[in-house]
């Protein structure tokens, strides 16, 4: 797979996950879970922008577990 194709697929997948997290945030009644999903959405967006070889996603699990 070419590098540009890999970057495109990575970006698209991250943006899909970001969108799903934002949708989940809209649909849960608990403010803590809303915040959790919004933080995850921001992390996925950072990964989409930074590319597959970055360290932008480090700490996602720590940030996610602290919100709940």
N, C-alpha and C. Protein backbone atom coordinates (compact mmCIF):
# COMPACT_ATOMS: atom_id res chain seq x y z
N UNK A 1 0.85 -1.17 0.00
CA UNK A 1 0.00 0.00 0.00
C UNK A 1 0.90 1.24 0.00
N UNK A 2 0.59 2.20 -0.85
CA UNK A 2 1.40 3.40 -0.92
C UNK A 2 1.24 4.24 0.36
N UNK A 3 2.25 5.05 0.62
CA UNK A 3 2.23 5.87 1.83
C UNK A 3 1.07 6.86 1.82
N UNK A 4 0.77 7.44 0.67
CA UNK A 4 -0.34 8.40 0.60
C UNK A 4 -1.68 7.71 0.82
N UNK A 5 -1.82 6.48 0.31
CA UNK A 5 -3.04 5.72 0.52
C UNK A 5 -3.19 5.33 1.99
N UNK A 6 -2.08 4.95 2.63
CA UNK A 6 -2.10 4.61 4.04
C UNK A 6 -2.49 5.83 4.89
N UNK A 7 -1.94 6.98 4.55
CA UNK A 7 -2.28 8.22 5.28
C UNK A 7 -3.76 8.55 5.11
N UNK A 8 -4.26 8.40 3.89
CA UNK A 8 -5.67 8.67 3.62
C UNK A 8 -6.57 7.75 4.44
N UNK A 9 -6.26 6.45 4.46
CA UNK A 9 -7.07 5.49 5.19
C UNK A 9 -7.01 5.76 6.70
N UNK A 10 -5.82 6.10 7.20
CA UNK A 10 -5.66 6.42 8.62
C UNK A 10 -6.52 7.63 8.99
N UNK A 11 -6.43 8.68 8.18
CA UNK A 11 -7.19 9.91 8.45
C UNK A 11 -8.68 9.64 8.42
N UNK A 12 -9.12 8.92 7.41
CA UNK A 12 -10.54 8.61 7.27
C UNK A 12 -11.06 7.79 8.45
N UNK A 13 -10.29 6.80 8.88
CA UNK A 13 -10.70 5.97 10.02
C UNK A 13 -10.77 6.79 11.31
N UNK A 14 -9.78 7.62 11.53
CA UNK A 14 -9.78 8.46 12.74
C UNK A 14 -10.97 9.43 12.74
N UNK A 15 -11.25 10.01 11.59
CA UNK A 15 -12.39 10.93 11.51
C UNK A 15 -13.72 10.20 11.72
N UNK A 16 -13.79 8.95 11.27
CA UNK A 16 -15.01 8.16 11.51
C UNK A 16 -15.18 7.91 13.00
N UNK A 17 -14.09 7.54 13.68
CA UNK A 17 -14.16 7.32 15.13
C UNK A 17 -14.51 8.62 15.86
N UNK A 18 -13.96 9.72 15.40
CA UNK A 18 -14.29 11.02 16.01
C UNK A 18 -15.79 11.28 15.89
N UNK A 19 -16.32 11.07 14.71
CA UNK A 19 -17.74 11.29 14.47
C UNK A 19 -18.60 10.39 15.35
N UNK A 20 -18.21 9.13 15.47
CA UNK A 20 -18.98 8.21 16.30
C UNK A 20 -18.95 8.63 17.77
N UNK A 21 -17.82 9.10 18.24
CA UNK A 21 -17.73 9.56 19.64
C UNK A 21 -18.61 10.79 19.87
N UNK A 22 -18.63 11.70 18.92
CA UNK A 22 -19.49 12.89 19.05
C UNK A 22 -20.96 12.50 19.04
N UNK A 23 -21.31 11.52 18.23
CA UNK A 23 -22.69 11.04 18.19
C UNK A 23 -23.06 10.39 19.52
N UNK A 24 -22.17 9.59 20.06
CA UNK A 24 -22.41 8.97 21.36
C UNK A 24 -22.59 10.04 22.44
N UNK A 25 -21.78 11.08 22.38
CA UNK A 25 -21.88 12.17 23.37
C UNK A 25 -23.25 12.83 23.31
N UNK A 26 -23.81 12.95 22.12
CA UNK A 26 -25.14 13.56 21.99
C UNK A 26 -26.25 12.67 22.54
N UNK A 27 -26.00 11.36 22.54
CA UNK A 27 -27.08 10.42 22.85
C UNK A 27 -27.06 9.85 24.26
N UNK A 28 -26.06 10.17 25.05
CA UNK A 28 -26.03 9.65 26.42
C UNK A 28 -26.54 10.72 27.38
N UNK A 29 -27.32 10.32 28.37
CA UNK A 29 -27.89 11.31 29.28
C UNK A 29 -26.92 11.77 30.38
N UNK A 30 -25.89 11.01 30.63
CA UNK A 30 -24.98 11.30 31.74
C UNK A 30 -23.91 12.32 31.31
N UNK A 31 -23.82 13.46 31.99
CA UNK A 31 -22.82 14.47 31.63
C UNK A 31 -21.38 13.96 31.68
N UNK A 32 -21.08 13.06 32.62
CA UNK A 32 -19.73 12.51 32.69
C UNK A 32 -19.39 11.69 31.44
N UNK A 33 -20.36 10.92 30.97
CA UNK A 33 -20.13 10.14 29.75
C UNK A 33 -20.07 11.05 28.52
N UNK A 34 -20.85 12.10 28.51
CA UNK A 34 -20.77 13.06 27.40
C UNK A 34 -19.36 13.63 27.32
N UNK A 35 -18.83 14.05 28.46
CA UNK A 35 -17.48 14.59 28.50
C UNK A 35 -16.45 13.55 28.07
N UNK A 36 -16.62 12.34 28.52
CA UNK A 36 -15.73 11.25 28.14
C UNK A 36 -15.69 11.09 26.62
N UNK A 37 -16.86 11.01 25.99
CA UNK A 37 -16.91 10.81 24.55
C UNK A 37 -16.38 12.03 23.79
N UNK A 38 -16.62 13.22 24.31
CA UNK A 38 -16.08 14.41 23.66
C UNK A 38 -14.56 14.46 23.75
N UNK A 39 -14.01 14.03 24.86
CA UNK A 39 -12.54 13.96 24.98
C UNK A 39 -11.97 12.92 24.02
N UNK A 40 -12.64 11.80 23.91
CA UNK A 40 -12.19 10.79 22.95
C UNK A 40 -12.28 11.30 21.52
N UNK A 41 -13.32 12.04 21.21
CA UNK A 41 -13.47 12.62 19.87
C UNK A 41 -12.31 13.56 19.57
N UNK A 42 -11.93 14.38 20.55
CA UNK A 42 -10.81 15.30 20.35
C UNK A 42 -9.51 14.53 20.13
N UNK A 43 -9.33 13.42 20.85
CA UNK A 43 -8.13 12.61 20.68
C UNK A 43 -8.10 11.99 19.28
N UNK A 44 -9.24 11.51 18.80
CA UNK A 44 -9.28 10.94 17.45
C UNK A 44 -9.01 12.01 16.40
N UNK A 45 -9.51 13.21 16.62
CA UNK A 45 -9.24 14.31 15.68
C UNK A 45 -7.75 14.62 15.66
N UNK A 46 -7.12 14.66 16.82
CA UNK A 46 -5.68 14.93 16.88
C UNK A 46 -4.91 13.85 16.13
N UNK A 47 -5.34 12.60 16.27
CA UNK A 47 -4.68 11.51 15.53
C UNK A 47 -4.88 11.65 14.03
N UNK A 48 -6.06 12.07 13.62
CA UNK A 48 -6.33 12.24 12.19
C UNK A 48 -5.44 13.33 11.59
N UNK A 49 -5.27 14.41 12.32
CA UNK A 49 -4.48 15.55 11.83
C UNK A 49 -2.99 15.24 11.85
N UNK A 50 -2.55 14.52 12.86
CA UNK A 50 -1.11 14.33 13.06
C UNK A 50 -0.52 13.19 12.23
N UNK A 51 -1.33 12.25 11.80
CA UNK A 51 -0.82 11.14 10.99
C UNK A 51 -0.56 9.89 11.80
N UNK A 52 -0.35 8.78 11.10
CA UNK A 52 -0.23 7.49 11.77
C UNK A 52 1.07 7.29 12.55
N UNK A 53 2.10 8.05 12.26
CA UNK A 53 3.39 7.84 12.92
C UNK A 53 3.61 8.77 14.11
N UNK A 54 2.62 9.55 14.47
CA UNK A 54 2.78 10.50 15.57
C UNK A 54 2.49 9.84 16.90
N UNK A 55 2.72 10.59 17.95
CA UNK A 55 2.42 10.13 19.31
C UNK A 55 1.22 10.88 19.88
N UNK A 56 0.37 11.40 19.01
CA UNK A 56 -0.77 12.20 19.44
C UNK A 56 -1.78 11.40 20.25
N UNK A 57 -1.84 10.11 20.04
CA UNK A 57 -2.82 9.29 20.74
C UNK A 57 -2.37 8.77 22.09
N UNK A 58 -1.13 9.04 22.45
CA UNK A 58 -0.64 8.56 23.74
C UNK A 58 -1.45 9.20 24.86
N UNK A 59 -1.86 8.40 25.80
CA UNK A 59 -2.62 8.91 26.93
C UNK A 59 -4.12 8.89 26.71
N UNK A 60 -4.59 8.38 25.58
CA UNK A 60 -6.03 8.32 25.35
C UNK A 60 -6.71 7.50 26.42
N UNK A 61 -6.17 6.34 26.73
CA UNK A 61 -6.81 5.48 27.71
C UNK A 61 -6.81 6.12 29.09
N UNK A 62 -5.73 6.82 29.44
CA UNK A 62 -5.69 7.48 30.74
C UNK A 62 -6.72 8.60 30.80
N UNK A 63 -6.82 9.40 29.76
CA UNK A 63 -7.79 10.51 29.75
C UNK A 63 -9.21 9.97 29.77
N UNK A 64 -9.44 8.88 29.03
CA UNK A 64 -10.78 8.31 28.98
C UNK A 64 -11.24 7.73 30.29
N UNK A 65 -10.35 7.10 31.02
CA UNK A 65 -10.76 6.48 32.27
C UNK A 65 -10.92 7.50 33.39
N UNK A 66 -10.26 8.63 33.30
CA UNK A 66 -10.38 9.64 34.34
C UNK A 66 -11.72 10.35 34.27
N UNK A 67 -12.32 10.42 33.08
CA UNK A 67 -13.58 11.17 32.92
C UNK A 67 -14.77 10.42 33.49
N UNK A 68 -14.68 9.11 33.58
CA UNK A 68 -15.84 8.32 34.03
C UNK A 68 -15.76 8.06 35.52
